[in-house]
Amino acid sequence: MAIDTLGPMDATMRVPDRIQANLPHMSSALAKIGVLLLEDPTAPLELSITELADRAGTSAATVTRFCRRLGYPGYVQFRVSVAADAGRRQGDQAWRAGIGRAFDPDDAPPDVLRTLLHAHVRSLTATAGLIDVDQCARVARVIANCRHLDIYGTGGSASIADEVANRLYRVGVNAHSWGDVHAGLASASIQDEHTIAIGISNSGRTKETIEMLAHAKSSGAFTVAITNRSASPLGQLADVCLIASVPQEYLHPADLSAKHSQLFVLDLLYLLVVQHDYTDAVHKLASTARAVSGHRRHEPVNRTEAGSRR
C-alpha cells in the first residue's frame, strides 16, 4: 500500500516519474499505456482519450484507470499535468544547455539555497508518495526476526549502509554493512533462509552492489533493494524493492538529495523494527548510551539559570 501524498497538481513528481515508478506494478493493459507515454510523453496533448486508447490498443475506460493509478481524477487533469511538464521541460532544456547543472556560478546564495531546498524536498515528498508501507512493514518483520542482516552499498551508499547498520545493531539486530565487494561477497556466501540482505544504490545499476545482493540471494537470504528505479537491475533482482525517489535530477545523481531519500526509507524501516519489541529496544538503547556516556563532554552549567531555579 503506497501513501498517496501526490495530488495531480503537485509539482513534486512529474508524469514520466510517476509512470516509471508504477510501471512494474501495473496490469498489462495499463502498462501498454505507460510504455507508450514514456516513449511519447506529449501524446495526450494531441490525442483525445479515445485516440490514445486506440494507439495503445486498450479502451477509454482503461486510460481512465491509468490516470487514476497515477493519482489523477481523470484524463482532463492528466492532460493538464502533461502540459505543465512540457513547459517545464522546455525551460529545463534551455537551463541545462546554458550551464549543464542546477546552479549557475553567479547565483546569489539565497537562490542556491532555494534550489537546493527544492531538490531535497521534492525527493523526500516523492519518496513518501511512492513508498509501499505494507512492504516496509514486511521487511521490518524479517529484520526483527533475522539471524543476520547484511547491508551492501558502495561510494556514498556505503556511508548510508554504515549508519543504518550501527543504528540497528544498537537495538539488537545482528547488522553488518559492506562497502568492499570482496568482504561483502564473503559475507553473502554464508547467508541462508534465516538472513536478510539489503542493497542500496540510487541508480540500481552499481555492479558491485548487484553482485553482492545476487550472491546473498543465491545463498537463500531474503533480499531488498533500495533504489530510485524499481525497473533497474537491482530492483528486479530483489525480493522486495523500496523506492527512494529522486524524480528530477536538479543535482548530480550522487549528491545528497538522493542520500536523504535513502535515509528516509531506512529510517522508516528502523522505526518499524523498533516497534516489534519496543521495550527491549529502549533497554538496549539505554545500555549503549550508558556505555559511551564517559566519552561525552557534559554541558557546562549556566550559573544564571542555576540561580534562577533556586
Protein backbone atom coordinates (compact mmCIF):
# COMPACT_ATOMS: atom_id res chain seq x y z
CA MET A 1 0.00 0.00 0.00
CA ALA A 2 1.57 3.26 -1.12
CA ILE A 3 0.63 6.51 0.60
CA ASP A 4 -0.86 8.92 -1.90
CA THR A 5 0.50 12.32 -0.92
CA LEU A 6 0.99 13.42 -4.51
CA GLY A 7 -2.05 15.23 -5.85
CA PRO A 8 -2.48 15.79 -9.59
CA MET A 9 -1.50 19.45 -9.31
CA ASP A 10 1.52 18.78 -7.09
CA ALA A 11 4.72 19.69 -8.93
CA THR A 12 6.78 17.37 -6.75
CA MET A 13 6.65 14.47 -9.19
CA ARG A 14 6.39 14.71 -12.95
CA VAL A 15 4.27 12.42 -15.08
CA PRO A 16 7.13 10.27 -16.53
CA ASP A 17 8.49 9.72 -13.00
CA ARG A 18 5.08 8.56 -11.77
CA ILE A 19 4.72 6.22 -14.74
CA GLN A 20 8.21 4.77 -14.31
CA ALA A 21 7.71 4.15 -10.60
CA ASN A 22 4.31 2.47 -11.05
CA LEU A 23 5.01 0.56 -14.27
CA PRO A 24 6.29 -2.68 -12.67
CA HIS A 25 3.06 -2.96 -10.65
CA MET A 26 0.62 -2.24 -13.50
CA SER A 27 -1.55 -4.75 -15.31
CA SER A 28 -0.58 -5.50 -18.91
CA ALA A 29 -3.33 -3.20 -20.20
CA LEU A 30 -2.19 -0.26 -18.08
CA ALA A 31 1.46 -0.99 -18.84
CA LYS A 32 0.78 -0.62 -22.60
CA ILE A 33 -0.31 2.96 -21.97
CA GLY A 34 2.66 3.60 -19.68
CA VAL A 35 5.21 2.35 -22.22
CA LEU A 36 3.58 4.43 -24.96
CA LEU A 37 3.73 7.60 -22.87
CA LEU A 38 7.32 7.04 -21.78
CA GLU A 39 8.22 6.90 -25.47
CA ASP A 40 5.99 9.84 -26.41
CA PRO A 41 5.35 11.96 -23.26
CA THR A 42 3.37 14.69 -25.04
CA ALA A 43 0.96 12.35 -26.86
CA PRO A 44 -2.00 13.28 -24.59
CA LEU A 45 -1.71 16.91 -25.74
CA GLU A 46 -2.53 15.83 -29.29
CA LEU A 47 -4.85 12.87 -28.70
CA SER A 48 -8.30 12.52 -27.20
CA ILE A 49 -8.85 9.79 -24.64
CA THR A 50 -10.31 7.54 -27.34
CA GLU A 51 -7.42 8.20 -29.73
CA LEU A 52 -4.86 7.45 -27.01
CA ALA A 53 -6.71 4.23 -26.15
CA ASP A 54 -6.70 3.17 -29.81
CA ARG A 55 -2.98 3.84 -30.16
CA ALA A 56 -2.24 1.80 -27.02
CA GLY A 57 -4.60 -0.99 -28.05
CA THR A 58 -6.82 -0.52 -24.99
CA SER A 59 -10.12 1.16 -24.12
CA ALA A 60 -11.03 4.64 -22.91
CA ALA A 61 -12.06 3.12 -19.57
CA THR A 62 -8.55 1.63 -19.24
CA VAL A 63 -7.00 5.05 -19.91
CA THR A 64 -9.15 6.49 -17.13
CA ARG A 65 -7.97 3.73 -14.76
CA PHE A 66 -4.40 4.50 -15.80
CA CYS A 67 -4.85 8.18 -14.91
CA ARG A 68 -6.31 7.28 -11.52
CA ARG A 69 -3.46 4.87 -10.86
CA LEU A 70 -1.08 7.82 -11.20
CA GLY A 71 -3.18 9.98 -8.85
CA TYR A 72 -5.30 11.97 -11.32
CA PRO A 73 -9.12 12.05 -11.15
CA GLY A 74 -9.42 11.72 -14.92
CA TYR A 75 -7.94 12.32 -18.36
CA VAL A 76 -8.52 16.08 -18.32
CA GLN A 77 -6.46 16.58 -15.17
CA PHE A 78 -3.84 14.19 -16.52
CA ARG A 79 -3.50 16.26 -19.72
CA VAL A 80 -3.11 19.44 -17.67
CA SER A 81 -0.20 17.88 -15.79
CA VAL A 82 1.37 16.64 -19.06
CA ALA A 83 1.12 20.19 -20.45
CA ALA A 84 2.75 21.62 -17.34
CA ASP A 85 5.55 19.06 -17.66
CA ALA A 86 6.10 20.03 -21.29
CA GLY A 87 6.51 23.69 -20.33
CA ARG A 88 8.92 22.87 -17.53
CA ARG A 89 10.88 20.53 -19.77
CA GLN A 90 11.48 23.29 -22.31
CA GLY A 91 12.73 25.56 -19.55
CA ASP A 92 14.93 22.81 -18.11
CA GLN A 93 16.47 22.09 -21.51
CA ALA A 94 17.36 25.73 -22.04
CA TRP A 95 18.72 25.95 -18.50
CA ARG A 96 20.87 22.83 -18.86
CA ALA A 97 22.13 23.90 -22.28
CA GLY A 98 23.49 27.05 -20.70
CA ILE A 99 25.05 25.68 -17.53
CA GLY A 100 24.63 21.90 -17.52
CA ARG A 101 23.58 21.82 -13.82
CA ALA A 102 21.02 23.29 -11.50
CA PHE A 103 23.33 26.00 -10.21
CA ASP A 104 24.83 28.92 -12.07
CA PRO A 105 28.23 30.15 -10.85
CA ASP A 106 26.74 33.64 -10.49
CA ASP A 107 23.69 32.59 -8.47
CA ALA A 108 23.22 34.56 -5.28
CA PRO A 109 23.43 32.49 -2.07
CA PRO A 110 19.66 32.79 -1.41
CA ASP A 111 18.99 31.40 -4.92
CA VAL A 112 21.35 28.49 -4.29
CA LEU A 113 19.57 27.83 -1.00
CA ARG A 114 16.13 27.80 -2.66
CA THR A 115 17.26 25.48 -5.48
CA LEU A 116 18.92 23.12 -3.04
CA LEU A 117 15.93 23.06 -0.70
CA HIS A 118 13.57 22.43 -3.61
CA ALA A 119 15.60 19.45 -4.81
CA HIS A 120 15.74 17.85 -1.38
CA VAL A 121 12.07 18.47 -0.56
CA ARG A 122 10.99 17.06 -3.91
CA SER A 123 12.99 13.89 -3.33
CA LEU A 124 11.53 13.32 0.14
CA THR A 125 7.96 14.14 -0.85
CA ALA A 126 8.11 11.90 -3.90
CA THR A 127 9.54 9.07 -1.81
CA ALA A 128 6.76 9.43 0.77
CA GLY A 129 4.19 9.32 -2.02
CA LEU A 130 5.57 6.17 -3.63
CA ILE A 131 6.67 4.14 -0.64
CA ASP A 132 4.80 0.88 -0.09
CA VAL A 133 4.11 0.86 3.64
CA ASP A 134 2.91 -2.75 3.65
CA GLN A 135 6.16 -3.89 2.05
CA CYS A 136 8.14 -1.80 4.53
CA ALA A 137 6.29 -3.49 7.40
CA ARG A 138 7.04 -6.88 5.85
CA VAL A 139 10.75 -6.08 5.56
CA ALA A 140 10.83 -4.76 9.14
CA ARG A 141 9.33 -8.02 10.42
CA VAL A 142 12.00 -10.00 8.62
CA ILE A 143 14.75 -7.75 10.02
CA ALA A 144 13.39 -8.01 13.56
CA ASN A 145 13.41 -11.82 13.42
CA CYS A 146 16.51 -12.46 11.30
CA ARG A 147 19.68 -14.25 12.37
CA HIS A 148 21.91 -11.89 10.39
CA LEU A 149 21.47 -8.74 8.28
CA ASP A 150 23.86 -7.62 5.54
CA ILE A 151 23.62 -4.12 4.05
CA TYR A 152 25.55 -3.52 0.80
CA GLY A 153 26.46 -0.19 -0.75
CA THR A 154 29.45 1.41 -2.44
CA GLY A 155 30.61 5.01 -2.66
CA GLY A 156 28.14 7.36 -0.97
CA SER A 157 25.71 4.50 -0.36
CA ALA A 158 28.37 2.79 1.78
CA SER A 159 28.17 5.59 4.36
CA ILE A 160 24.39 5.21 4.44
CA ALA A 161 24.79 1.45 4.96
CA ASP A 162 27.26 2.05 7.82
CA GLU A 163 24.91 4.48 9.59
CA VAL A 164 21.88 2.20 9.38
CA ALA A 165 23.81 -0.91 10.41
CA ASN A 166 25.09 0.91 13.51
CA ARG A 167 21.58 2.04 14.49
CA LEU A 168 20.07 -1.41 14.03
CA TYR A 169 22.94 -3.07 15.91
CA ARG A 170 22.22 -0.86 18.92
CA VAL A 171 18.66 -2.23 19.16
CA GLY A 172 19.77 -5.85 18.95
CA VAL A 173 19.80 -6.62 15.22
CA ASN A 174 22.91 -8.52 14.09
CA ALA A 175 23.50 -5.99 11.30
CA HIS A 176 26.66 -5.54 9.23
CA SER A 177 27.47 -3.14 6.39
CA TRP A 178 29.76 -3.90 3.49
CA GLY A 179 31.23 -1.41 1.03
CA ASP A 180 34.14 -3.56 -0.09
CA VAL A 181 32.93 -6.10 -2.64
CA HIS A 182 35.36 -8.82 -1.53
CA ALA A 183 34.25 -8.62 2.10
CA GLY A 184 30.61 -8.30 1.04
CA LEU A 185 30.75 -11.38 -1.17
CA ALA A 186 32.39 -13.36 1.62
CA SER A 187 29.55 -12.45 3.98
CA ALA A 188 26.91 -13.05 1.29
CA SER A 189 28.24 -16.57 0.71
CA ILE A 190 27.33 -17.66 4.26
CA GLN A 191 23.76 -16.34 4.27
CA ASP A 192 20.75 -18.64 4.47
CA GLU A 193 16.95 -18.58 4.71
CA HIS A 194 17.14 -17.01 8.19
CA THR A 195 19.04 -13.93 6.98
CA ILE A 196 18.24 -10.76 5.06
CA ALA A 197 20.36 -8.67 2.70
CA ILE A 198 19.71 -5.07 1.63
CA GLY A 199 21.34 -3.44 -1.39
CA ILE A 200 21.45 0.36 -1.65
CA SER A 201 22.04 2.09 -4.98
CA ASN A 202 20.43 5.25 -6.33
CA SER A 203 20.77 4.15 -9.96
CA GLY A 204 20.15 0.48 -9.24
CA ARG A 205 22.98 -0.28 -11.67
CA THR A 206 26.02 -0.39 -9.38
CA LYS A 207 27.78 -3.60 -10.42
CA GLU A 208 29.34 -4.39 -7.04
CA THR A 209 26.09 -3.91 -5.11
CA ILE A 210 24.16 -6.06 -7.60
CA GLU A 211 26.82 -8.77 -7.35
CA MET A 212 26.75 -8.84 -3.54
CA LEU A 213 22.95 -8.91 -3.34
CA ALA A 214 22.73 -11.60 -6.04
CA HIS A 215 25.20 -13.76 -4.12
CA ALA A 216 23.21 -13.36 -0.89
CA LYS A 217 20.01 -14.30 -2.72
CA SER A 218 21.61 -17.42 -4.19
CA SER A 219 22.63 -18.38 -0.63
CA GLY A 220 18.99 -18.23 0.47
CA ALA A 221 18.73 -14.73 2.01
CA PHE A 222 15.61 -12.59 1.73
CA THR A 223 16.73 -9.64 -0.42
CA VAL A 224 15.68 -5.98 -0.51
CA ALA A 225 16.67 -3.20 -2.91
CA ILE A 226 16.54 0.49 -2.04
CA THR A 227 16.83 2.38 -5.30
CA ASN A 228 15.35 5.13 -7.43
CA ARG A 229 14.06 2.77 -10.14
CA SER A 230 12.17 -0.45 -9.48
CA ALA A 231 12.83 -1.47 -13.11
CA SER A 232 16.62 -1.25 -12.58
CA PRO A 233 18.76 -4.43 -12.40
CA LEU A 234 18.99 -4.15 -8.60
CA GLY A 235 15.25 -3.55 -8.24
CA GLN A 236 14.41 -6.51 -10.46
CA LEU A 237 16.83 -8.79 -8.61
CA ALA A 238 15.48 -8.23 -5.09
CA ASP A 239 12.52 -9.95 -3.47
CA VAL A 240 11.26 -6.51 -2.42
CA CYS A 241 12.11 -3.13 -3.96
CA LEU A 242 11.59 0.06 -1.93
CA ILE A 243 11.72 3.31 -3.90
CA ALA A 244 13.97 6.15 -2.70
CA SER A 245 12.90 8.64 -5.31
CA VAL A 246 14.96 11.34 -6.99
CA PRO A 247 12.33 12.42 -9.53
CA GLN A 248 14.25 15.19 -11.23
CA GLU A 249 17.99 15.44 -11.07
CA TYR A 250 18.44 19.11 -10.30
CA LEU A 251 21.70 17.99 -8.77
CA HIS A 252 24.17 15.31 -9.75
CA PRO A 253 22.61 11.87 -9.09
CA ALA A 254 25.23 11.10 -6.43
CA ASP A 255 24.50 14.29 -4.46
CA LEU A 256 22.84 14.41 -1.06
CA SER A 257 19.26 14.79 -2.31
CA ALA A 258 19.46 11.10 -3.25
CA LYS A 259 21.01 10.17 0.10
CA HIS A 260 18.23 11.88 2.04
CA SER A 261 15.64 9.76 0.24
CA GLN A 262 17.59 6.60 1.05
CA LEU A 263 17.89 7.62 4.71
CA PHE A 264 14.16 8.40 4.80
CA VAL A 265 13.28 4.85 3.71
CA LEU A 266 15.84 3.27 6.03
CA ASP A 267 14.74 5.40 8.98
CA LEU A 268 11.18 4.20 8.44
CA LEU A 269 12.40 0.60 8.45
CA TYR A 270 14.39 1.26 11.63
CA LEU A 271 11.36 2.66 13.47
CA LEU A 272 9.16 -0.23 12.34
CA VAL A 273 11.80 -2.67 13.58
CA VAL A 274 11.90 -0.93 16.96
CA GLN A 275 8.12 -1.29 17.26
CA HIS A 276 8.37 -5.08 17.16
CA ASP A 277 9.82 -5.14 20.68
CA TYR A 278 9.76 -1.56 21.86
CA THR A 279 10.62 -2.30 25.50
CA ASP A 280 13.67 -4.36 24.61
CA ALA A 281 14.82 -1.78 22.03
CA VAL A 282 14.60 1.05 24.55
CA HIS A 283 16.51 -1.03 27.11
CA LYS A 284 19.30 -1.74 24.63
CA LEU A 285 19.49 1.92 23.55
CA ALA A 286 19.79 2.98 27.18
CA SER A 287 22.53 0.40 27.79
CA THR A 288 24.57 1.52 24.81
CA ALA A 289 24.12 5.17 25.78
CA ARG A 290 25.46 4.46 29.27
CA ALA A 291 28.41 2.58 27.80
CA VAL A 292 29.63 5.63 25.87
CA SER A 293 28.50 8.33 28.30
CA GLY A 294 32.02 8.66 29.77
CA HIS A 295 33.32 9.74 26.37
CA ARG A 296 30.99 12.72 26.09
CA ARG A 297 31.72 16.18 27.47
CA HIS A 298 28.99 17.42 29.77
CA GLU A 299 27.38 20.77 29.09
CA PRO A 300 28.68 23.45 31.48
CA VAL A 301 26.13 24.68 33.99
CA ASN A 302 24.84 28.17 33.29
CA ARG A 303 25.17 29.86 36.70
CA THR A 304 22.46 32.40 35.87
CA GLU A 305 19.98 29.65 35.00
CA ALA A 306 21.06 27.58 38.01
CA GLY A 307 20.49 30.55 40.32
CA SER A 308 17.05 31.25 38.88
CA ARG A 309 15.95 27.69 39.74
CA ARG A 310 16.67 28.17 43.46
